[in-house]
């Protein structure tokens, strides 16, 4: 075998390996397992490849059927060929011309567990719909695990809620039906609260609905409950409760307020004391002025009374002294005549009756004693 022949064979083998047209490869990419909520809905992501050239959707026909029997269709264009239990509940969301075979199923029943497989059929022409090629991806089927109760939403709060500072809580729930997303609601709704809705795809066949609540907690929100409720397609509901603990901002009101009250009380008390002291001093000064003038008057009156009282004593003393001197003078008289030499008179009796009897008797006694 010459060199050119070997080169040609090598090229043909390389082309056969790299081109699906020559290999005839049929392949589907379908999620294998999904948790599905009864009464809700499910979207099964699906894509496929085929060995033919790119064909319009009009020449392709997609069918979903039970894995155990290809004739038991749960979806196809001819609705009369669909099992009665699935009629009106299934549809294709993608375009077959774009190799998209995504299936949607609503109003899930307990017996809708599968497995379900995808089948592709190729028509000769757009006018001649007779099948030329067909292929069932029985090795790539989906199975549903039924959930009788809806999953509870997950709450992801910030670590610490501080009074007066914005606080964020994220409520998220996983679902399998992006066409009818769960509705998330919060137990608290105020004018200042901000709620943001976010949809994103987590894993192949699962989506996540998020609701982000941002609010400013107050002191009254401490030890309160924040509830997130998820309402799914079909009417099922679930909720999760968050116990909110609010950390109060550090303040010194417990120190400032008593201090201000104490200072205010002290100031008021001081002002009252100053006013009272001034009034007391003024009253004392007024009383002193009054007492001084009265005391002066009383002093003058007292001195006058003392002077008046002292005068009679001096007069009496003078009188006594004079009387004593007179008595001495009378006692020392030597010229009194003797009674014998006293001439009798007819008026003697009268002389005895006058007031001079005491003196005469005394004189007589004194004279006699001498």
Protein backbone atom coordinates (compact mmCIF):
# COMPACT_ATOMS: atom_id res chain seq x y z
CA UNK A 1 0.00 0.00 0.00
CA UNK A 2 1.51 3.24 -1.13
CA UNK A 3 1.75 6.40 0.80
CA UNK A 4 -1.17 8.21 -0.89
CA UNK A 5 -3.57 5.35 -0.21
CA UNK A 6 -2.69 5.26 3.46
CA UNK A 7 -3.19 9.04 3.74
CA UNK A 8 -6.66 8.76 2.17
CA UNK A 9 -7.75 6.02 4.53
CA UNK A 10 -6.54 8.05 7.51
CA UNK A 11 -8.55 11.07 6.42
CA UNK A 12 -11.69 9.01 5.97
CA UNK A 13 -11.35 7.49 9.43
CA UNK A 14 -10.79 10.92 10.99
CA UNK A 15 -13.87 12.29 9.28
CA UNK A 16 -15.96 9.33 10.41
CA UNK A 17 -14.90 9.83 14.01
CA UNK A 18 -15.44 13.60 14.12
CA UNK A 19 -18.74 13.84 12.21
CA UNK A 20 -22.01 12.61 13.76
CA UNK A 21 -23.44 12.30 10.28
CA UNK A 22 -21.16 9.37 9.53
CA UNK A 23 -21.25 7.93 13.01
CA UNK A 24 -25.05 8.18 13.30
CA UNK A 25 -24.92 9.38 16.98
CA UNK A 26 -28.18 10.18 18.81
CA UNK A 27 -27.83 11.68 22.25
CA UNK A 28 -30.10 13.44 24.77
CA UNK A 29 -29.28 15.45 27.87
CA UNK A 30 -32.12 15.00 30.37
CA UNK A 31 -32.13 15.45 34.15
CA UNK A 32 -32.35 12.04 35.76
CA UNK A 33 -34.17 12.77 39.00
CA UNK A 34 -36.38 15.58 40.32
CA UNK A 35 -38.29 16.23 43.53
CA UNK A 36 -41.74 17.34 42.48
CA UNK A 37 -44.48 18.82 44.67
CA UNK A 38 -47.87 17.21 44.25
CA UNK A 39 -50.50 19.65 42.86
CA UNK A 40 -47.71 21.91 41.61
CA UNK A 41 -45.80 21.78 38.33
CA UNK A 42 -42.43 20.70 36.98
CA UNK A 43 -40.18 21.69 34.10
CA UNK A 44 -37.85 18.98 32.80
CA UNK A 45 -34.78 20.47 31.04
CA UNK A 46 -33.97 18.52 27.90
CA UNK A 47 -31.66 18.90 24.90
CA UNK A 48 -30.64 16.46 22.16
CA UNK A 49 -28.41 15.96 19.16
CA UNK A 50 -28.94 13.91 15.97
CA UNK A 51 -26.77 12.86 13.01
CA UNK A 52 -28.74 14.89 10.49
CA UNK A 53 -28.11 18.40 9.33
CA UNK A 54 -29.87 21.28 10.96
CA UNK A 55 -33.57 20.86 10.33
CA UNK A 56 -36.53 23.18 10.87
CA UNK A 57 -38.96 22.44 13.68
CA UNK A 58 -41.65 21.69 11.10
CA UNK A 59 -39.81 18.49 10.06
CA UNK A 60 -39.19 17.32 13.62
CA UNK A 61 -41.70 15.74 15.92
CA UNK A 62 -41.03 15.32 19.65
CA UNK A 63 -42.73 12.76 21.82
CA UNK A 64 -42.56 12.03 25.55
CA UNK A 65 -43.65 8.56 26.61
CA UNK A 66 -43.37 6.07 29.41
CA UNK A 67 -40.11 4.19 29.49
CA UNK A 68 -41.89 0.86 29.67
CA UNK A 69 -44.09 1.44 26.61
CA UNK A 70 -43.37 3.80 23.70
CA UNK A 71 -47.04 3.80 22.74
CA UNK A 72 -48.07 5.39 26.06
CA UNK A 73 -47.41 9.00 25.24
CA UNK A 74 -47.72 11.72 27.81
CA UNK A 75 -47.03 14.39 25.19
CA UNK A 76 -47.12 14.73 21.40
CA UNK A 77 -48.64 17.06 18.86
CA UNK A 78 -51.60 14.77 18.23
CA UNK A 79 -53.54 15.19 21.44
CA UNK A 80 -55.63 12.12 20.65
CA UNK A 81 -52.52 9.98 21.02
CA UNK A 82 -51.85 11.22 24.56
CA UNK A 83 -52.92 9.22 27.56
CA UNK A 84 -56.16 10.63 28.85
CA UNK A 85 -54.72 11.24 32.31
CA UNK A 86 -52.07 13.62 30.86
CA UNK A 87 -54.14 15.54 28.36
CA UNK A 88 -53.98 19.27 28.89
CA UNK A 89 -51.25 18.97 31.48
CA UNK A 90 -48.11 18.66 29.30
CA UNK A 91 -46.43 20.80 26.67
CA UNK A 92 -43.02 21.49 25.11
CA UNK A 93 -41.38 24.73 26.15
CA UNK A 94 -38.44 24.60 23.74
CA UNK A 95 -38.10 24.54 19.95
CA UNK A 96 -37.10 21.24 18.40
CA UNK A 97 -35.25 23.06 15.60
CA UNK A 98 -32.93 24.39 18.32
CA UNK A 99 -32.50 20.92 19.79
CA UNK A 100 -34.55 21.87 22.81
CA UNK A 101 -36.96 19.23 24.13
CA UNK A 102 -37.84 20.78 27.53
CA UNK A 103 -41.12 19.42 28.94
CA UNK A 104 -43.57 21.11 31.30
CA UNK A 105 -46.12 19.20 33.36
CA UNK A 106 -48.72 20.87 35.58
CA UNK A 107 -51.12 19.69 38.25
CA UNK A 108 -48.82 16.89 39.33
CA UNK A 109 -50.55 13.72 40.53
CA UNK A 110 -49.24 11.14 42.94
CA UNK A 111 -48.88 8.56 40.15
CA UNK A 112 -46.92 10.89 37.82
CA UNK A 113 -43.65 9.44 38.96
CA UNK A 114 -42.34 8.15 35.59
CA UNK A 115 -39.83 7.36 34.32
CA UNK A 116 -40.52 9.41 31.17
CA UNK A 117 -38.33 9.38 28.04
CA UNK A 118 -38.00 11.59 24.98
CA UNK A 119 -38.35 10.37 21.35
CA UNK A 120 -37.49 12.29 18.19
CA UNK A 121 -38.96 11.60 14.73
CA UNK A 122 -37.84 13.14 11.43
CA UNK A 123 -40.26 13.69 8.50
CA UNK A 124 -39.17 13.38 4.95
CA UNK A 125 -40.22 16.84 3.93
CA UNK A 126 -42.40 19.60 5.26
CA UNK A 127 -45.23 18.37 3.04
CA UNK A 128 -44.49 14.65 3.37
CA UNK A 129 -44.71 13.91 7.08
CA UNK A 130 -43.94 10.24 6.72
CA UNK A 131 -41.16 9.28 9.13
CA UNK A 132 -37.73 8.53 7.81
CA UNK A 133 -35.70 8.49 11.05
CA UNK A 134 -36.75 8.08 14.67
CA UNK A 135 -34.92 7.56 17.87
CA UNK A 136 -35.98 7.08 21.53
CA UNK A 137 -33.56 8.14 24.28
CA UNK A 138 -34.54 5.32 26.62
CA UNK A 139 -31.25 5.54 28.43
CA UNK A 140 -31.82 9.23 29.34
CA UNK A 141 -35.16 9.35 31.14
CA UNK A 142 -36.45 11.41 34.09
CA UNK A 143 -37.97 10.07 37.29
CA UNK A 144 -40.07 12.12 39.74
CA UNK A 145 -39.96 11.82 43.50
CA UNK A 146 -43.27 13.04 44.83
CA UNK A 147 -43.40 15.54 47.70
CA UNK A 148 -46.74 15.49 49.53
CA UNK A 149 -45.81 18.62 51.51
CA UNK A 150 -44.18 21.75 50.13
CA UNK A 151 -40.59 22.51 51.14
CA UNK A 152 -40.15 25.18 53.76
CA UNK A 153 -38.40 28.39 52.77
CA UNK A 154 -34.95 29.06 54.15
CA UNK A 155 -34.27 32.28 56.04
CA UNK A 156 -30.77 33.71 55.92
CA UNK A 157 -30.52 36.72 58.24
CA UNK A 158 -27.56 38.90 58.99
CA UNK A 159 -25.63 37.93 62.08
CA UNK A 160 -26.74 40.78 64.30
CA UNK A 161 -29.69 43.16 64.17
CA UNK A 162 -28.72 46.54 65.60
CA UNK A 163 -31.27 49.15 66.53
CA UNK A 164 -31.43 51.99 64.03
CA UNK A 165 -29.30 50.26 61.38
CA UNK A 166 -30.52 48.60 58.14
CA UNK A 167 -31.02 44.88 58.50
CA UNK A 168 -31.46 42.31 55.73
CA UNK A 169 -33.17 38.92 55.75
CA UNK A 170 -33.18 36.66 52.70
CA UNK A 171 -35.99 34.16 52.21
CA UNK A 172 -35.35 31.48 49.58
CA UNK A 173 -37.16 28.37 48.40
CA UNK A 174 -36.17 25.75 45.85
CA UNK A 175 -38.69 24.67 43.22
CA UNK A 176 -38.93 22.85 39.87
CA UNK A 177 -41.34 25.11 38.00
CA UNK A 178 -39.87 28.39 36.72
CA UNK A 179 -43.02 29.15 34.71
CA UNK A 180 -45.08 29.38 37.91
CA UNK A 181 -42.66 30.53 40.59
CA UNK A 182 -43.67 30.38 44.26
CA UNK A 183 -44.91 33.62 45.77
CA UNK A 184 -42.93 34.73 48.83
CA UNK A 185 -44.54 37.10 51.33
CA UNK A 186 -43.44 38.60 54.65
CA UNK A 187 -45.35 38.95 57.90
CA UNK A 188 -44.24 42.56 58.28
CA UNK A 189 -44.87 45.14 55.60
CA UNK A 190 -44.26 48.83 56.29
CA UNK A 191 -43.66 51.86 54.14
CA UNK A 192 -39.97 51.89 55.01
CA UNK A 193 -39.43 48.19 54.27
CA UNK A 194 -37.82 47.26 50.95
CA UNK A 195 -38.52 43.87 49.32
CA UNK A 196 -36.51 42.63 46.33
CA UNK A 197 -37.42 39.55 44.28
CA UNK A 198 -34.65 37.47 42.68
CA UNK A 199 -34.92 34.34 40.49
CA UNK A 200 -31.96 32.17 39.71
CA UNK A 201 -31.09 28.66 38.62
CA UNK A 202 -29.24 26.57 41.14
CA UNK A 203 -28.84 23.09 39.69
CA UNK A 204 -29.88 21.29 36.56
CA UNK A 205 -33.67 21.03 36.95
CA UNK A 206 -33.93 23.20 40.09
CA UNK A 207 -34.57 26.91 40.46
CA UNK A 208 -34.48 29.19 43.46
CA UNK A 209 -36.86 32.01 44.28
CA UNK A 210 -35.53 34.67 46.66
CA UNK A 211 -37.16 37.54 48.48
CA UNK A 212 -34.81 39.98 50.21
CA UNK A 213 -36.32 42.08 53.00
CA UNK A 214 -34.46 45.17 54.18
CA UNK A 215 -35.74 47.16 57.14
CA UNK A 216 -34.52 49.19 60.09
CA UNK A 217 -35.22 47.40 63.37
CA UNK A 218 -36.39 49.39 66.36
CA UNK A 219 -36.42 48.69 70.06
CA UNK A 220 -39.98 47.33 69.86
CA UNK A 221 -38.83 44.72 67.30
CA UNK A 222 -36.69 42.95 69.88
CA UNK A 223 -37.89 39.37 70.53
CA UNK A 224 -40.39 39.66 67.69
CA UNK A 225 -41.07 37.18 64.89
CA UNK A 226 -40.51 37.64 61.17
CA UNK A 227 -42.30 35.07 59.04
CA UNK A 228 -41.71 34.26 55.38
CA UNK A 229 -44.51 32.35 53.62
CA UNK A 230 -44.13 30.53 50.30
CA UNK A 231 -47.22 29.86 48.21
CA UNK A 232 -46.68 27.33 45.42
CA UNK A 233 -48.54 26.71 42.20
CA UNK A 234 -51.59 24.62 43.06
CA UNK A 235 -52.26 26.31 46.41
CA UNK A 236 -49.77 24.60 48.73
CA UNK A 237 -48.14 26.85 51.34
CA UNK A 238 -45.27 26.64 53.79
CA UNK A 239 -43.57 29.14 56.07
CA UNK A 240 -40.53 29.69 58.26
CA UNK A 241 -40.30 31.90 61.35
CA UNK A 242 -37.29 33.97 62.37
CA UNK A 243 -36.98 35.10 65.99
CA UNK A 244 -35.52 38.56 65.80
CA UNK A 245 -33.22 39.81 68.53
CA UNK A 246 -32.32 43.47 68.29
CA UNK A 247 -29.15 44.77 69.88
CA UNK A 248 -29.72 48.19 71.28
CA UNK A 249 -27.32 50.94 70.35
CA UNK A 250 -25.04 51.97 73.18
CA UNK A 251 -26.21 55.15 74.84
CA UNK A 252 -25.71 56.83 78.14
CA UNK A 253 -29.27 57.92 78.74
CA UNK A 254 -29.37 55.91 81.94
CA UNK A 255 -26.48 58.08 83.17
CA UNK A 256 -27.21 61.39 81.46
CA UNK A 257 -30.86 61.61 82.47
CA UNK A 258 -30.32 61.07 86.22
CA UNK A 259 -27.32 63.41 86.13
CA UNK A 260 -29.30 66.16 84.41
CA UNK A 261 -32.17 65.68 86.85
CA UNK A 262 -29.78 65.85 89.82
CA UNK A 263 -28.04 68.95 88.46
CA UNK A 264 -31.37 70.61 87.71
CA UNK A 265 -32.66 69.82 91.18
CA UNK A 266 -29.46 71.15 92.76
CA UNK A 267 -29.66 74.36 90.72
CA UNK A 268 -33.30 74.92 91.63
CA UNK A 269 -32.57 74.17 95.28
CA UNK A 270 -29.60 76.52 95.24
CA UNK A 271 -31.64 79.34 93.69
CA UNK A 272 -34.39 78.86 96.25
CA UNK A 273 -31.84 78.87 99.07
CA UNK A 274 -30.20 82.05 97.76
CA UNK A 275 -33.56 83.80 97.50
CA UNK A 276 -34.54 82.68 100.99
CA UNK A 277 -31.18 83.76 102.45
CA UNK A 278 -31.48 87.17 100.82
CA UNK A 279 -35.00 87.59 102.10
CA UNK A 280 -33.91 86.42 105.57
CA UNK A 281 -30.98 88.83 105.65
CA UNK A 282 -33.20 91.66 104.50
CA UNK A 283 -35.72 90.83 107.19
CA UNK A 284 -33.02 90.71 109.85
CA UNK A 285 -31.60 94.05 108.70
CA UNK A 286 -35.06 95.58 108.82
CA UNK A 287 -35.68 94.18 112.28
CA UNK A 288 -32.28 95.41 113.41
CA UNK A 289 -33.09 98.90 112.19
CA UNK A 290 -36.39 98.81 113.99
CA UNK A 291 -34.92 97.28 117.12
CA UNK A 292 -32.10 99.84 117.17
CA UNK A 293 -34.41 102.83 117.19
CA UNK A 294 -36.71 101.22 119.76
CA UNK A 295 -33.75 100.23 121.91
CA UNK A 296 -32.50 103.79 121.81
CA UNK A 297 -35.90 105.00 122.91
CA UNK A 298 -36.14 102.41 125.64
CA UNK A 299 -32.60 103.25 126.78
CA UNK A 300 -33.42 106.92 127.04
CA UNK A 301 -36.64 106.10 128.84
CA UNK A 302 -34.82 103.78 131.21
CA UNK A 303 -32.19 106.37 131.99
CA UNK A 304 -34.90 108.92 132.60
CA UNK A 305 -36.75 106.57 134.92
CA UNK A 306 -33.56 105.78 136.82
CA UNK A 307 -32.78 109.44 137.18
CA UNK A 308 -36.27 110.12 138.46
CA UNK A 309 -36.08 107.27 140.92
CA UNK A 310 -32.68 108.30 142.23
CA UNK A 311 -33.76 111.90 143.04
CA UNK A 312 -36.22 111.18 145.93
CA UNK A 313 -33.66 109.06 147.68
CA UNK A 314 -31.17 111.94 147.70
CA UNK A 315 -33.83 114.35 148.93
CA UNK A 316 -34.89 111.94 151.61
CA UNK A 317 -31.27 111.42 152.57
CA UNK A 318 -30.81 115.16 152.71
CA UNK A 319 -33.98 115.48 154.71
CA UNK A 320 -32.89 112.78 157.08
CA UNK A 321 -29.53 114.41 157.46
CA UNK A 322 -31.20 117.75 158.12
CA UNK A 323 -33.56 116.15 160.56
CA UNK A 324 -30.67 114.48 162.31
CA UNK A 325 -28.78 117.75 162.42
CA UNK A 326 -31.80 119.49 163.83
CA UNK A 327 -32.17 116.84 166.44
CA UNK A 328 -28.54 117.16 167.34
CA UNK A 329 -28.93 120.86 167.54
CA UNK A 330 -31.96 120.46 169.74
CA UNK A 331 -30.22 118.01 172.00
CA UNK A 332 -27.24 120.24 172.43
CA UNK A 333 -29.30 123.23 173.51
CA UNK A 334 -28.29 124.48 177.01
CA UNK A 335 -30.44 127.41 177.10
CA UNK A 336 -33.68 125.60 177.76
CA UNK A 337 -34.98 127.02 181.07
CA UNK A 338 -35.65 124.75 183.97
CA UNK A 339 -39.21 123.64 184.46
CA UNK A 340 -39.15 125.05 187.84
CA UNK A 341 -38.23 128.39 186.51
CA UNK A 342 -41.03 128.14 183.92
CA UNK A 343 -43.74 130.58 184.99
CA UNK A 344 -47.13 129.13 185.29
CA UNK A 345 -49.68 130.39 182.99
CA UNK A 346 -53.30 129.93 182.53
CA UNK A 347 -52.64 128.68 179.12
CA UNK A 348 -50.68 125.72 180.30
CA UNK A 349 -53.32 123.29 179.53
CA UNK A 350 -53.53 124.54 176.02
CA UNK A 351 -49.84 124.23 175.66
CA UNK A 352 -50.12 120.60 176.58
CA UNK A 353 -52.61 120.02 173.84
CA UNK A 354 -50.60 121.44 171.00
CA UNK A 355 -48.27 119.58 168.91
CA UNK A 356 -45.22 120.64 170.82
CA UNK A 357 -45.78 118.16 173.67
CA UNK A 358 -43.48 115.49 172.16
CA UNK A 359 -40.66 117.88 171.67
CA UNK A 360 -40.95 119.36 175.09
CA UNK A 361 -41.00 115.95 176.68
CA UNK A 362 -37.99 114.92 174.81
CA UNK A 363 -36.26 118.03 175.72
CA UNK A 364 -37.14 117.41 179.27
CA UNK A 365 -35.89 113.91 179.19
CA UNK A 366 -32.70 114.93 177.54
CA UNK A 367 -32.29 117.70 180.00
CA UNK A 368 -32.97 115.36 182.85
CA UNK A 369 -30.51 112.82 181.60
CA UNK A 370 -27.88 115.32 181.37
